[in-house]
Amino acid sequence: MDEYVIRTPEQLALLWSKTYNASGVPDWSHILPYYDEQIVFKDSIQEIRGIGAFREMTERLAKRSNELYMAVKRTAMDGRVIFVEWEMTINYKKTRRSIVYGASRITLNEAGKIIEQRDYYDLWGDIFDNIPRFAKLYRKFMKDKFG
């Protein structure tokens, strides 16, 4: 039996709280084994497929951040889907500290690994996706600066 399986929303919340350590330095190394090799991650900025690309995204975020903290506010589970409401406090190296309010839908595969993660935040990004030509420029800007 694989030791890296998610069984409860409380377990996931605890893992996420450890992602942002006491000194604020982001580190996903402890949680990456809980993700399936074929993870599909999507947020308002990007869609990523595969654990390699997901790991690269976490490394880019860590390099761009002076501090990063995650506060899990609520969790709920329905079958193999976990919903997480969160507040992320982030201090990018070239900007002031800000809080991003969001939620994630986490889907577990039959083995209990995270196979899909959809993060919801940044309403403007979802609106801009529907504007021809502007959507592509906005996505490039967001990925270059924040992704």
N, C-alpha and C. Protein backbone atom coordinates (compact mmCIF):
# COMPACT_ATOMS: atom_id res chain seq x y z
N MET A 1 0.85 -1.19 0.00
CA MET A 1 0.00 0.00 0.00
C MET A 1 0.88 1.25 0.00
N ASP A 2 0.56 2.19 -0.84
CA ASP A 2 1.34 3.42 -0.98
C ASP A 2 1.10 4.33 0.22
N GLU A 3 2.17 4.80 0.82
CA GLU A 3 2.02 5.68 1.98
C GLU A 3 1.62 7.10 1.59
N TYR A 4 1.77 7.46 0.32
CA TYR A 4 1.48 8.82 -0.14
C TYR A 4 0.09 8.88 -0.77
N VAL A 5 -0.94 8.71 0.05
CA VAL A 5 -2.31 8.81 -0.43
C VAL A 5 -3.07 9.80 0.46
N ILE A 6 -4.02 10.48 -0.14
CA ILE A 6 -4.87 11.41 0.58
C ILE A 6 -6.13 10.66 0.98
N ARG A 7 -6.45 10.70 2.27
CA ARG A 7 -7.63 9.99 2.76
C ARG A 7 -8.73 10.94 3.26
N THR A 8 -8.33 12.12 3.74
CA THR A 8 -9.31 13.05 4.31
C THR A 8 -8.96 14.48 3.92
N PRO A 9 -9.95 15.37 3.95
CA PRO A 9 -9.65 16.78 3.68
C PRO A 9 -8.75 17.39 4.76
N GLU A 10 -8.84 16.90 5.97
CA GLU A 10 -7.99 17.40 7.05
C GLU A 10 -6.51 17.05 6.77
N GLN A 11 -6.27 15.88 6.24
CA GLN A 11 -4.91 15.49 5.88
C GLN A 11 -4.36 16.42 4.79
N LEU A 12 -5.19 16.71 3.79
CA LEU A 12 -4.76 17.62 2.73
C LEU A 12 -4.47 19.00 3.29
N ALA A 13 -5.34 19.51 4.15
CA ALA A 13 -5.13 20.84 4.76
C ALA A 13 -3.81 20.87 5.54
N LEU A 14 -3.51 19.82 6.27
CA LEU A 14 -2.25 19.76 7.02
C LEU A 14 -1.05 19.77 6.07
N LEU A 15 -1.12 19.00 4.99
CA LEU A 15 -0.03 18.99 4.01
C LEU A 15 0.17 20.38 3.40
N TRP A 16 -0.93 21.04 3.04
CA TRP A 16 -0.82 22.39 2.46
C TRP A 16 -0.22 23.37 3.46
N SER A 17 -0.59 23.24 4.72
CA SER A 17 -0.07 24.18 5.72
C SER A 17 1.45 24.03 5.89
N LYS A 18 1.97 22.85 5.59
CA LYS A 18 3.42 22.63 5.68
C LYS A 18 4.16 23.08 4.43
N THR A 19 3.42 23.35 3.36
CA THR A 19 4.04 23.80 2.12
C THR A 19 4.73 25.15 2.32
N TYR A 20 4.17 25.95 3.18
CA TYR A 20 4.69 27.29 3.43
C TYR A 20 5.24 27.28 4.84
N ASN A 21 6.55 27.06 4.98
CA ASN A 21 7.13 26.82 6.30
C ASN A 21 7.21 28.08 7.14
N ALA A 22 7.68 27.94 8.37
CA ALA A 22 7.67 29.03 9.35
C ALA A 22 8.43 30.26 8.88
N SER A 23 9.45 30.09 8.07
CA SER A 23 10.19 31.25 7.58
C SER A 23 9.60 31.79 6.29
N GLY A 24 8.50 31.20 5.83
CA GLY A 24 7.81 31.71 4.65
C GLY A 24 8.37 31.23 3.33
N VAL A 25 9.36 30.37 3.36
CA VAL A 25 9.96 29.89 2.12
C VAL A 25 9.12 28.73 1.57
N PRO A 26 8.59 28.87 0.36
CA PRO A 26 7.77 27.80 -0.19
C PRO A 26 8.58 26.54 -0.47
N ASP A 27 8.01 25.39 -0.12
CA ASP A 27 8.66 24.11 -0.36
C ASP A 27 7.57 23.06 -0.54
N TRP A 28 7.50 22.52 -1.73
CA TRP A 28 6.48 21.53 -2.06
C TRP A 28 7.02 20.10 -1.99
N SER A 29 8.27 19.90 -1.62
CA SER A 29 8.88 18.57 -1.70
C SER A 29 8.13 17.51 -0.90
N HIS A 30 7.53 17.89 0.21
CA HIS A 30 6.82 16.91 1.04
C HIS A 30 5.46 16.51 0.46
N ILE A 31 4.88 17.37 -0.38
CA ILE A 31 3.54 17.08 -0.89
C ILE A 31 3.55 16.52 -2.31
N LEU A 32 4.62 16.73 -3.06
CA LEU A 32 4.67 16.24 -4.44
C LEU A 32 4.44 14.73 -4.57
N PRO A 33 4.90 13.90 -3.62
CA PRO A 33 4.62 12.45 -3.76
C PRO A 33 3.13 12.11 -3.70
N TYR A 34 2.28 13.02 -3.24
CA TYR A 34 0.85 12.78 -3.16
C TYR A 34 0.15 13.07 -4.50
N TYR A 35 0.88 13.62 -5.46
CA TYR A 35 0.33 13.93 -6.78
C TYR A 35 0.62 12.77 -7.73
N ASP A 36 -0.37 12.44 -8.54
CA ASP A 36 -0.21 11.43 -9.57
C ASP A 36 0.75 11.94 -10.65
N GLU A 37 1.46 11.05 -11.29
CA GLU A 37 2.40 11.43 -12.37
C GLU A 37 1.68 12.18 -13.50
N GLN A 38 0.40 11.91 -13.69
CA GLN A 38 -0.38 12.52 -14.77
C GLN A 38 -1.23 13.71 -14.29
N ILE A 39 -0.84 14.35 -13.20
CA ILE A 39 -1.60 15.46 -12.64
C ILE A 39 -1.96 16.49 -13.72
N VAL A 40 -3.19 16.96 -13.65
CA VAL A 40 -3.63 18.08 -14.48
C VAL A 40 -3.94 19.21 -13.51
N PHE A 41 -3.20 20.30 -13.63
CA PHE A 41 -3.38 21.47 -12.78
C PHE A 41 -3.84 22.61 -13.67
N LYS A 42 -4.86 23.32 -13.19
CA LYS A 42 -5.35 24.47 -13.95
C LYS A 42 -5.74 25.56 -12.98
N ASP A 43 -5.38 26.79 -13.34
CA ASP A 43 -5.86 27.96 -12.62
C ASP A 43 -6.17 29.04 -13.64
N SER A 44 -6.35 30.25 -13.20
CA SER A 44 -6.73 31.32 -14.11
C SER A 44 -5.60 31.77 -15.01
N ILE A 45 -4.40 31.28 -14.76
CA ILE A 45 -3.24 31.69 -15.53
C ILE A 45 -2.78 30.61 -16.50
N GLN A 46 -2.88 29.35 -16.12
CA GLN A 46 -2.22 28.30 -16.89
C GLN A 46 -2.90 26.95 -16.71
N GLU A 47 -2.58 26.05 -17.63
CA GLU A 47 -2.94 24.65 -17.48
C GLU A 47 -1.65 23.86 -17.63
N ILE A 48 -1.41 22.97 -16.69
CA ILE A 48 -0.17 22.20 -16.64
C ILE A 48 -0.53 20.72 -16.58
N ARG A 49 0.21 19.92 -17.33
CA ARG A 49 -0.03 18.48 -17.35
C ARG A 49 1.26 17.74 -17.01
N GLY A 50 1.17 16.86 -16.04
CA GLY A 50 2.31 16.03 -15.67
C GLY A 50 3.05 16.57 -14.46
N ILE A 51 3.60 15.64 -13.68
CA ILE A 51 4.27 16.01 -12.44
C ILE A 51 5.52 16.85 -12.69
N GLY A 52 6.22 16.60 -13.79
CA GLY A 52 7.42 17.40 -14.10
C GLY A 52 7.09 18.87 -14.30
N ALA A 53 6.08 19.14 -15.10
CA ALA A 53 5.67 20.52 -15.34
C ALA A 53 5.10 21.15 -14.07
N PHE A 54 4.39 20.35 -13.27
CA PHE A 54 3.85 20.87 -12.01
C PHE A 54 4.99 21.25 -11.06
N ARG A 55 6.00 20.38 -10.96
CA ARG A 55 7.17 20.66 -10.11
C ARG A 55 7.86 21.95 -10.59
N GLU A 56 8.01 22.12 -11.90
CA GLU A 56 8.64 23.32 -12.45
C GLU A 56 7.86 24.57 -12.06
N MET A 57 6.52 24.49 -12.08
CA MET A 57 5.69 25.63 -11.69
C MET A 57 5.94 25.99 -10.23
N THR A 58 6.01 24.99 -9.35
CA THR A 58 6.24 25.28 -7.93
C THR A 58 7.62 25.89 -7.72
N GLU A 59 8.59 25.46 -8.48
CA GLU A 59 9.95 26.02 -8.38
C GLU A 59 9.99 27.47 -8.85
N ARG A 60 9.26 27.79 -9.94
CA ARG A 60 9.20 29.18 -10.41
C ARG A 60 8.57 30.08 -9.36
N LEU A 61 7.49 29.61 -8.75
CA LEU A 61 6.82 30.40 -7.72
C LEU A 61 7.74 30.62 -6.52
N ALA A 62 8.46 29.60 -6.12
CA ALA A 62 9.38 29.72 -4.98
C ALA A 62 10.48 30.73 -5.28
N LYS A 63 11.00 30.73 -6.50
CA LYS A 63 12.07 31.67 -6.87
C LYS A 63 11.58 33.11 -6.87
N ARG A 64 10.32 33.32 -7.20
CA ARG A 64 9.78 34.68 -7.31
C ARG A 64 9.26 35.24 -5.99
N SER A 65 9.24 34.42 -4.95
CA SER A 65 8.60 34.83 -3.70
C SER A 65 9.62 35.03 -2.59
N ASN A 66 9.50 36.15 -1.89
CA ASN A 66 10.26 36.33 -0.65
C ASN A 66 9.59 35.57 0.48
N GLU A 67 8.27 35.62 0.51
CA GLU A 67 7.47 34.93 1.52
C GLU A 67 6.21 34.42 0.87
N LEU A 68 5.69 33.33 1.40
CA LEU A 68 4.45 32.79 0.90
C LEU A 68 3.83 31.92 2.00
N TYR A 69 2.62 32.26 2.39
CA TYR A 69 1.91 31.51 3.44
C TYR A 69 0.54 31.11 2.94
N MET A 70 0.11 29.92 3.33
CA MET A 70 -1.21 29.45 2.96
C MET A 70 -2.02 29.19 4.22
N ALA A 71 -3.20 29.78 4.28
CA ALA A 71 -4.12 29.53 5.40
C ALA A 71 -5.34 28.82 4.82
N VAL A 72 -5.55 27.58 5.23
CA VAL A 72 -6.73 26.82 4.80
C VAL A 72 -7.87 27.20 5.73
N LYS A 73 -8.95 27.71 5.17
CA LYS A 73 -10.10 28.18 5.95
C LYS A 73 -11.17 27.11 6.14
N ARG A 74 -11.47 26.37 5.07
CA ARG A 74 -12.50 25.34 5.14
C ARG A 74 -12.17 24.23 4.15
N THR A 75 -12.62 23.02 4.48
CA THR A 75 -12.50 21.90 3.57
C THR A 75 -13.79 21.10 3.59
N ALA A 76 -14.04 20.41 2.50
CA ALA A 76 -15.19 19.50 2.41
C ALA A 76 -14.84 18.42 1.41
N MET A 77 -15.42 17.25 1.60
CA MET A 77 -15.13 16.14 0.70
C MET A 77 -16.43 15.51 0.24
N ASP A 78 -16.49 15.20 -1.05
CA ASP A 78 -17.63 14.51 -1.64
C ASP A 78 -17.08 13.42 -2.54
N GLY A 79 -17.15 12.19 -2.10
CA GLY A 79 -16.55 11.10 -2.87
C GLY A 79 -15.05 11.27 -2.93
N ARG A 80 -14.52 11.37 -4.15
CA ARG A 80 -13.08 11.55 -4.32
C ARG A 80 -12.72 13.00 -4.63
N VAL A 81 -13.61 13.93 -4.35
CA VAL A 81 -13.36 15.34 -4.61
C VAL A 81 -13.29 16.10 -3.29
N ILE A 82 -12.21 16.86 -3.12
CA ILE A 82 -12.02 17.68 -1.93
C ILE A 82 -12.05 19.15 -2.37
N PHE A 83 -12.84 19.93 -1.65
CA PHE A 83 -12.89 21.37 -1.89
C PHE A 83 -12.16 22.06 -0.74
N VAL A 84 -11.32 23.04 -1.10
CA VAL A 84 -10.52 23.76 -0.12
C VAL A 84 -10.69 25.26 -0.36
N GLU A 85 -11.09 25.97 0.69
CA GLU A 85 -11.12 27.43 0.64
C GLU A 85 -9.84 27.92 1.32
N TRP A 86 -9.12 28.86 0.69
CA TRP A 86 -7.83 29.27 1.22
C TRP A 86 -7.57 30.76 1.04
N GLU A 87 -6.60 31.23 1.82
CA GLU A 87 -6.05 32.58 1.67
C GLU A 87 -4.55 32.42 1.55
N MET A 88 -3.99 32.93 0.48
CA MET A 88 -2.56 32.86 0.26
C MET A 88 -1.98 34.26 0.40
N THR A 89 -1.07 34.41 1.34
CA THR A 89 -0.36 35.68 1.51
C THR A 89 0.98 35.52 0.83
N ILE A 90 1.25 36.42 -0.11
CA ILE A 90 2.46 36.30 -0.91
C ILE A 90 3.17 37.64 -0.99
N ASN A 91 4.47 37.58 -0.93
CA ASN A 91 5.31 38.76 -1.08
C ASN A 91 6.29 38.45 -2.20
N TYR A 92 5.94 38.88 -3.42
CA TYR A 92 6.86 38.71 -4.54
C TYR A 92 8.05 39.63 -4.33
N LYS A 93 9.16 39.30 -4.93
CA LYS A 93 10.40 40.05 -4.71
C LYS A 93 10.30 41.50 -5.16
N LYS A 94 9.45 41.80 -6.12
CA LYS A 94 9.38 43.16 -6.64
C LYS A 94 8.06 43.87 -6.35
N THR A 95 7.24 43.30 -5.47
CA THR A 95 5.96 43.92 -5.14
C THR A 95 5.74 43.86 -3.64
N ARG A 96 4.69 44.52 -3.20
CA ARG A 96 4.36 44.48 -1.78
C ARG A 96 3.56 43.22 -1.47
N ARG A 97 3.42 42.92 -0.20
CA ARG A 97 2.68 41.74 0.24
C ARG A 97 1.21 41.88 -0.13
N SER A 98 0.62 40.80 -0.58
CA SER A 98 -0.80 40.82 -0.92
C SER A 98 -1.42 39.48 -0.54
N ILE A 99 -2.73 39.49 -0.43
CA ILE A 99 -3.48 38.27 -0.11
C ILE A 99 -4.33 37.90 -1.31
N VAL A 100 -4.26 36.66 -1.68
CA VAL A 100 -5.10 36.11 -2.74
C VAL A 100 -6.10 35.19 -2.07
N TYR A 101 -7.37 35.42 -2.32
CA TYR A 101 -8.44 34.58 -1.77
C TYR A 101 -8.87 33.61 -2.85
N GLY A 102 -8.96 32.35 -2.50
CA GLY A 102 -9.32 31.39 -3.53
C GLY A 102 -9.86 30.09 -2.98
N ALA A 103 -10.13 29.20 -3.91
CA ALA A 103 -10.61 27.87 -3.58
C ALA A 103 -10.03 26.89 -4.59
N SER A 104 -9.91 25.65 -4.17
CA SER A 104 -9.40 24.61 -5.06
C SER A 104 -10.33 23.41 -5.02
N ARG A 105 -10.46 22.79 -6.19
CA ARG A 105 -11.17 21.52 -6.31
C ARG A 105 -10.11 20.46 -6.60
N ILE A 106 -9.94 19.55 -5.69
CA ILE A 106 -8.93 18.51 -5.78
C ILE A 106 -9.63 17.18 -6.07
N THR A 107 -9.23 16.52 -7.15
CA THR A 107 -9.81 15.22 -7.48
C THR A 107 -8.76 14.15 -7.26
N LEU A 108 -9.14 13.12 -6.51
CA LEU A 108 -8.26 12.00 -6.23
C LEU A 108 -8.54 10.86 -7.20
N ASN A 109 -7.50 10.16 -7.61
CA ASN A 109 -7.73 8.97 -8.42
C ASN A 109 -8.10 7.80 -7.50
N GLU A 110 -8.32 6.64 -8.06
CA GLU A 110 -8.76 5.49 -7.26
C GLU A 110 -7.72 5.07 -6.22
N ALA A 111 -6.44 5.42 -6.47
CA ALA A 111 -5.37 5.06 -5.52
C ALA A 111 -5.20 6.11 -4.42
N GLY A 112 -5.95 7.22 -4.49
CA GLY A 112 -5.84 8.26 -3.47
C GLY A 112 -4.80 9.32 -3.76
N LYS A 113 -4.29 9.36 -4.98
CA LYS A 113 -3.34 10.40 -5.40
C LYS A 113 -4.11 11.54 -6.05
N ILE A 114 -3.55 12.75 -5.98
CA ILE A 114 -4.18 13.91 -6.61
C ILE A 114 -3.94 13.82 -8.11
N ILE A 115 -5.02 13.68 -8.86
CA ILE A 115 -4.95 13.55 -10.31
C ILE A 115 -5.34 14.86 -11.01
N GLU A 116 -6.12 15.69 -10.30
CA GLU A 116 -6.55 16.97 -10.88
C GLU A 116 -6.66 18.00 -9.78
N GLN A 117 -6.18 19.20 -10.08
CA GLN A 117 -6.32 20.33 -9.16
C GLN A 117 -6.73 21.53 -9.97
N ARG A 118 -7.87 22.09 -9.61
CA ARG A 118 -8.36 23.31 -10.27
C ARG A 118 -8.44 24.39 -9.21
N ASP A 119 -7.61 25.43 -9.36
CA ASP A 119 -7.61 26.57 -8.44
C ASP A 119 -8.46 27.69 -9.02
N TYR A 120 -9.30 28.27 -8.17
CA TYR A 120 -10.19 29.35 -8.58
C TYR A 120 -9.81 30.63 -7.85
N TYR A 121 -9.47 31.65 -8.60
CA TYR A 121 -9.17 32.99 -8.10
C TYR A 121 -8.99 33.87 -9.32
N ASP A 122 -8.78 35.14 -9.12
CA ASP A 122 -8.51 36.07 -10.21
C ASP A 122 -9.65 36.10 -11.23
N LEU A 123 -10.76 36.64 -10.82
CA LEU A 123 -11.93 36.74 -11.69
C LEU A 123 -11.60 37.40 -13.02
N TRP A 124 -10.75 38.41 -13.01
CA TRP A 124 -10.43 39.13 -14.25
C TRP A 124 -9.83 38.19 -15.29
N GLY A 125 -9.03 37.26 -14.86
CA GLY A 125 -8.45 36.33 -15.81
C GLY A 125 -9.51 35.54 -16.55
N ASP A 126 -10.53 35.09 -15.84
CA ASP A 126 -11.60 34.34 -16.48
C ASP A 126 -12.39 35.21 -17.46
N ILE A 127 -12.55 36.49 -17.14
CA ILE A 127 -13.24 37.41 -18.05
C ILE A 127 -12.40 37.69 -19.28
N PHE A 128 -11.10 37.97 -19.07
CA PHE A 128 -10.22 38.31 -20.19
C PHE A 128 -10.04 37.17 -21.17
N ASP A 129 -10.22 35.94 -20.73
CA ASP A 129 -10.10 34.79 -21.64
C ASP A 129 -11.10 34.87 -22.79
N ASN A 130 -12.16 35.61 -22.61
CA ASN A 130 -13.21 35.69 -23.63
C ASN A 130 -13.04 36.87 -24.58
N ILE A 131 -11.94 37.60 -24.48
CA ILE A 131 -11.68 38.74 -25.36
C ILE A 131 -10.63 38.32 -26.38
N PRO A 132 -11.00 38.21 -27.65
CA PRO A 132 -10.04 37.76 -28.67
C PRO A 132 -8.75 38.60 -28.66
N ARG A 133 -7.65 37.97 -28.92
CA ARG A 133 -6.29 38.53 -28.95
C ARG A 133 -5.82 39.02 -27.60
N PHE A 134 -6.65 39.70 -26.82
CA PHE A 134 -6.24 40.19 -25.51
C PHE A 134 -5.97 39.03 -24.56
N ALA A 135 -6.75 37.97 -24.66
CA ALA A 135 -6.59 36.82 -23.76
C ALA A 135 -5.18 36.25 -23.83
N LYS A 136 -4.66 36.09 -25.04
CA LYS A 136 -3.32 35.52 -25.20
C LYS A 136 -2.26 36.44 -24.59
N LEU A 137 -2.37 37.73 -24.79
CA LEU A 137 -1.41 38.68 -24.21
C LEU A 137 -1.49 38.68 -22.69
N TYR A 138 -2.71 38.68 -22.16
CA TYR A 138 -2.89 38.67 -20.71
C TYR A 138 -2.29 37.40 -20.09
N ARG A 139 -2.55 36.24 -20.69
CA ARG A 139 -2.03 34.98 -20.17
C ARG A 139 -0.50 34.96 -20.21
N LYS A 140 0.09 35.46 -21.28
CA LYS A 140 1.54 35.51 -21.37
C LYS A 140 2.11 36.41 -20.28
N PHE A 141 1.50 37.58 -20.10
CA PHE A 141 1.95 38.50 -19.05
C PHE A 141 1.86 37.85 -17.67
N MET A 142 0.72 37.23 -17.36
CA MET A 142 0.52 36.60 -16.05
C MET A 142 1.51 35.46 -15.82
N LYS A 143 1.74 34.65 -16.84
CA LYS A 143 2.67 33.53 -16.67
C LYS A 143 4.09 34.04 -16.52
N ASP A 144 4.49 35.04 -17.33
CA ASP A 144 5.85 35.59 -17.24
C ASP A 144 6.11 36.23 -15.88
N LYS A 145 5.12 36.91 -15.33
CA LYS A 145 5.30 37.65 -14.08
C LYS A 145 5.00 36.84 -12.82
N PHE A 146 4.04 35.94 -12.90
CA PHE A 146 3.57 35.28 -11.68
C PHE A 146 3.55 33.75 -11.73
N GLY A 147 3.66 33.15 -12.91
CA GLY A 147 3.45 31.71 -13.03
C GLY A 147 4.61 30.84 -12.79
